[in-house]
Amino acid sequence: MFLYLGHSLGLEQRDLSALQSGFPFGLLQAIFLFVIFYLTVNLYHRARYVLRNYAYLSALEREIRQQLALPEATVAFTRESTFYWGNRDLFSGAVKYVYITLLSCLIVSFLLATVVGDWSRHHWLLTVVDVLFAIPTLAFLIAYAQASVSMDTKEAIAPMSQAKAKSAG
């Protein structure tokens, strides 16, 4: 992106190389690493929050069904009802895998390019900063992937809902 912008502004290769190897570019790169880390943590947090809310709504639906004496086959209140899981198509379930794959490829390639680039230019301090941001970013990316796969299933929602209902009673 930086090289494209430099060429579109008419900068020569030697000017681009000088800018790219200088401290301000390294600072900009560190800011981008921080932004990517923040967005990854935010993605993990929101995904967990949404999936926990679905489990809660599933347990709530079960309680409402019991109180109103509604049969299980009725179309009822939440995303986690039998209607939702009975009518979910293949592509709805595949979306999480597409997100995980695309996001993982983008983040890993960016982090790898950043670390390798700074290492090859012998910017040791920037390499350390890159690694310090890369490790927790990858940890949250893995946690997001695991939660998305393990928590967004019919089998995972039902036990969570039943356990919460038992602990409340």
Protein backbone atom coordinates (compact mmCIF):
# COMPACT_ATOMS: atom_id res chain seq x y z
CA MET A 1 0.00 0.00 0.00
CA PHE A 2 2.82 2.34 0.92
CA LEU A 3 4.68 1.64 -2.33
CA TYR A 4 1.54 2.15 -4.40
CA LEU A 5 0.86 5.48 -2.71
CA GLY A 6 4.48 6.58 -3.21
CA HIS A 7 4.45 5.70 -6.90
CA SER A 8 1.13 7.45 -7.44
CA LEU A 9 2.61 10.59 -5.83
CA GLY A 10 5.57 10.41 -8.24
CA LEU A 11 8.28 9.49 -5.74
CA GLU A 12 11.34 7.69 -7.06
CA GLN A 13 12.47 4.28 -5.81
CA ARG A 14 15.40 5.67 -3.79
CA ASP A 15 13.04 8.12 -2.01
CA LEU A 16 10.62 5.31 -1.25
CA SER A 17 13.42 3.14 0.12
CA ALA A 18 14.63 5.97 2.35
CA LEU A 19 11.12 6.57 3.69
CA GLN A 20 10.44 2.88 4.17
CA SER A 21 13.60 2.28 6.18
CA GLY A 22 13.18 5.38 8.36
CA PHE A 23 11.75 5.70 11.86
CA PRO A 24 8.41 7.33 10.92
CA PHE A 25 7.53 4.35 8.72
CA GLY A 26 8.37 1.99 11.59
CA LEU A 27 6.16 4.02 13.91
CA LEU A 28 3.32 3.91 11.40
CA GLN A 29 3.78 0.17 11.08
CA ALA A 30 3.65 -0.23 14.88
CA ILE A 31 0.42 1.77 14.96
CA PHE A 32 -1.06 -0.56 12.33
CA LEU A 33 0.00 -3.55 14.44
CA PHE A 34 -1.76 -2.04 17.44
CA VAL A 35 -4.92 -1.40 15.40
CA ILE A 36 -4.92 -4.99 14.13
CA PHE A 37 -4.44 -6.28 17.67
CA TYR A 38 -7.29 -4.10 18.94
CA LEU A 39 -9.63 -5.20 16.14
CA THR A 40 -8.79 -8.88 16.75
CA VAL A 41 -9.51 -8.56 20.48
CA ASN A 42 -12.72 -6.71 19.67
CA LEU A 43 -13.79 -9.42 17.21
CA TYR A 44 -13.14 -12.14 19.79
CA HIS A 45 -15.03 -10.24 22.50
CA ARG A 46 -18.06 -9.53 20.32
CA ALA A 47 -18.24 -13.06 18.95
CA ARG A 48 -18.15 -14.54 22.47
CA TYR A 49 -20.75 -12.02 23.65
CA VAL A 50 -23.12 -12.86 20.81
CA LEU A 51 -22.72 -16.61 21.24
CA ARG A 52 -23.27 -16.36 25.01
CA ASN A 53 -26.41 -14.33 24.39
CA TYR A 54 -27.70 -17.00 22.00
CA ALA A 55 -27.15 -19.63 24.70
CA TYR A 56 -29.00 -17.45 27.20
CA LEU A 57 -31.90 -16.91 24.80
CA SER A 58 -32.07 -20.64 24.16
CA ALA A 59 -32.36 -21.31 27.91
CA LEU A 60 -34.93 -18.55 28.24
CA GLU A 61 -36.95 -20.00 25.37
CA ARG A 62 -36.92 -23.39 27.06
CA GLU A 63 -38.26 -21.87 30.29
CA ILE A 64 -40.98 -19.94 28.45
CA ARG A 65 -42.01 -23.09 26.59
CA GLN A 66 -42.31 -24.94 29.89
CA GLN A 67 -44.33 -22.19 31.56
CA LEU A 68 -46.70 -21.84 28.58
CA ALA A 69 -46.78 -25.61 27.95
CA LEU A 70 -45.76 -25.14 24.32
CA PRO A 71 -44.68 -28.20 22.37
CA GLU A 72 -41.07 -28.33 21.14
CA ALA A 73 -42.10 -28.23 17.47
CA THR A 74 -43.76 -24.80 17.68
CA VAL A 75 -41.95 -21.91 16.03
CA ALA A 76 -40.99 -19.69 18.90
CA PHE A 77 -38.91 -16.91 20.24
CA THR A 78 -35.20 -17.03 19.47
CA ARG A 79 -32.54 -17.79 16.92
CA GLU A 80 -31.76 -20.96 18.83
CA SER A 81 -35.22 -22.46 18.47
CA THR A 82 -35.80 -25.80 16.83
CA PHE A 83 -37.12 -23.90 13.81
CA TYR A 84 -33.76 -22.17 13.26
CA TRP A 85 -31.63 -25.28 13.53
CA GLY A 86 -34.11 -27.30 11.47
CA ASN A 87 -34.04 -24.79 8.59
CA ARG A 88 -30.37 -23.77 8.57
CA ASP A 89 -28.72 -24.31 5.19
CA LEU A 90 -25.18 -25.44 4.42
CA PHE A 91 -23.88 -21.96 3.60
CA SER A 92 -25.09 -20.50 6.91
CA GLY A 93 -22.91 -22.96 8.75
CA ALA A 94 -19.98 -22.39 6.38
CA VAL A 95 -19.81 -18.62 6.91
CA LYS A 96 -17.78 -18.94 10.12
CA TYR A 97 -15.20 -21.09 8.34
CA VAL A 98 -14.89 -18.58 5.50
CA TYR A 99 -14.40 -15.72 7.99
CA ILE A 100 -11.85 -17.69 9.97
CA THR A 101 -9.91 -18.70 6.85
CA LEU A 102 -9.87 -15.26 5.21
CA LEU A 103 -9.12 -13.40 8.41
CA SER A 104 -6.39 -15.83 9.40
CA CYS A 105 -4.72 -15.57 5.99
CA LEU A 106 -4.81 -11.76 6.06
CA ILE A 107 -3.58 -11.37 9.63
CA VAL A 108 -0.89 -14.04 9.46
CA SER A 109 0.47 -12.77 6.14
CA PHE A 110 0.56 -9.18 7.42
CA LEU A 111 2.24 -10.14 10.69
CA LEU A 112 4.73 -12.40 8.94
CA ALA A 113 5.58 -9.74 6.35
CA THR A 114 6.05 -7.16 9.09
CA VAL A 115 8.33 -9.32 11.22
CA VAL A 116 10.37 -10.61 8.28
CA GLY A 117 10.64 -7.12 6.76
CA ASP A 118 11.95 -5.54 9.93
CA TRP A 119 14.23 -8.50 10.65
CA SER A 120 15.76 -8.39 7.16
CA ARG A 121 16.38 -4.61 7.46
CA HIS A 122 18.06 -5.23 10.86
CA HIS A 123 15.54 -3.09 12.75
CA TRP A 124 15.82 -5.09 15.94
CA LEU A 125 13.65 -2.84 18.09
CA LEU A 126 10.85 -2.84 15.53
CA THR A 127 11.18 -6.61 15.18
CA VAL A 128 10.69 -6.99 18.95
CA VAL A 129 7.65 -4.69 18.80
CA ASP A 130 6.28 -6.70 15.88
CA VAL A 131 6.65 -9.96 17.79
CA LEU A 132 5.16 -8.45 20.96
CA PHE A 133 2.04 -7.47 19.02
CA ALA A 134 1.96 -10.60 16.86
CA ILE A 135 1.84 -13.14 19.71
CA PRO A 136 -1.28 -11.84 21.49
CA THR A 137 -2.95 -11.03 18.16
CA LEU A 138 -2.51 -14.64 17.05
CA ALA A 139 -3.66 -15.89 20.47
CA PHE A 140 -6.91 -13.93 20.19
CA LEU A 141 -7.35 -15.01 16.57
CA ILE A 142 -7.05 -18.66 17.60
CA ALA A 143 -9.43 -18.11 20.53
CA TYR A 144 -11.94 -16.48 18.16
CA ALA A 145 -11.70 -19.39 15.73
CA GLN A 146 -12.13 -21.99 18.48
CA ALA A 147 -15.11 -20.19 20.02
CA SER A 148 -16.77 -19.66 16.65
CA VAL A 149 -16.48 -23.32 15.73
CA SER A 150 -17.25 -24.88 19.12
CA MET A 151 -19.98 -22.54 20.38
CA ASP A 152 -22.05 -22.05 17.22
CA THR A 153 -23.59 -25.50 17.03
CA LYS A 154 -26.94 -26.92 18.03
CA GLU A 155 -25.21 -29.37 20.36
CA ALA A 156 -23.11 -26.68 22.06
CA ILE A 157 -26.02 -24.30 22.69
CA ALA A 158 -28.33 -26.91 24.27
CA PRO A 159 -25.88 -28.10 27.00
CA MET A 160 -24.95 -24.50 27.86
CA SER A 161 -28.60 -23.64 28.20
CA GLN A 162 -29.37 -26.70 30.31
CA ALA A 163 -26.39 -26.08 32.61
CA LYS A 164 -27.42 -22.46 33.16
CA ALA A 165 -31.00 -23.51 33.86
CA LYS A 166 -29.84 -26.12 36.42
CA SER A 167 -27.48 -23.71 38.19
CA ALA A 168 -30.22 -21.06 38.43
CA GLY A 169 -32.73 -23.53 39.93
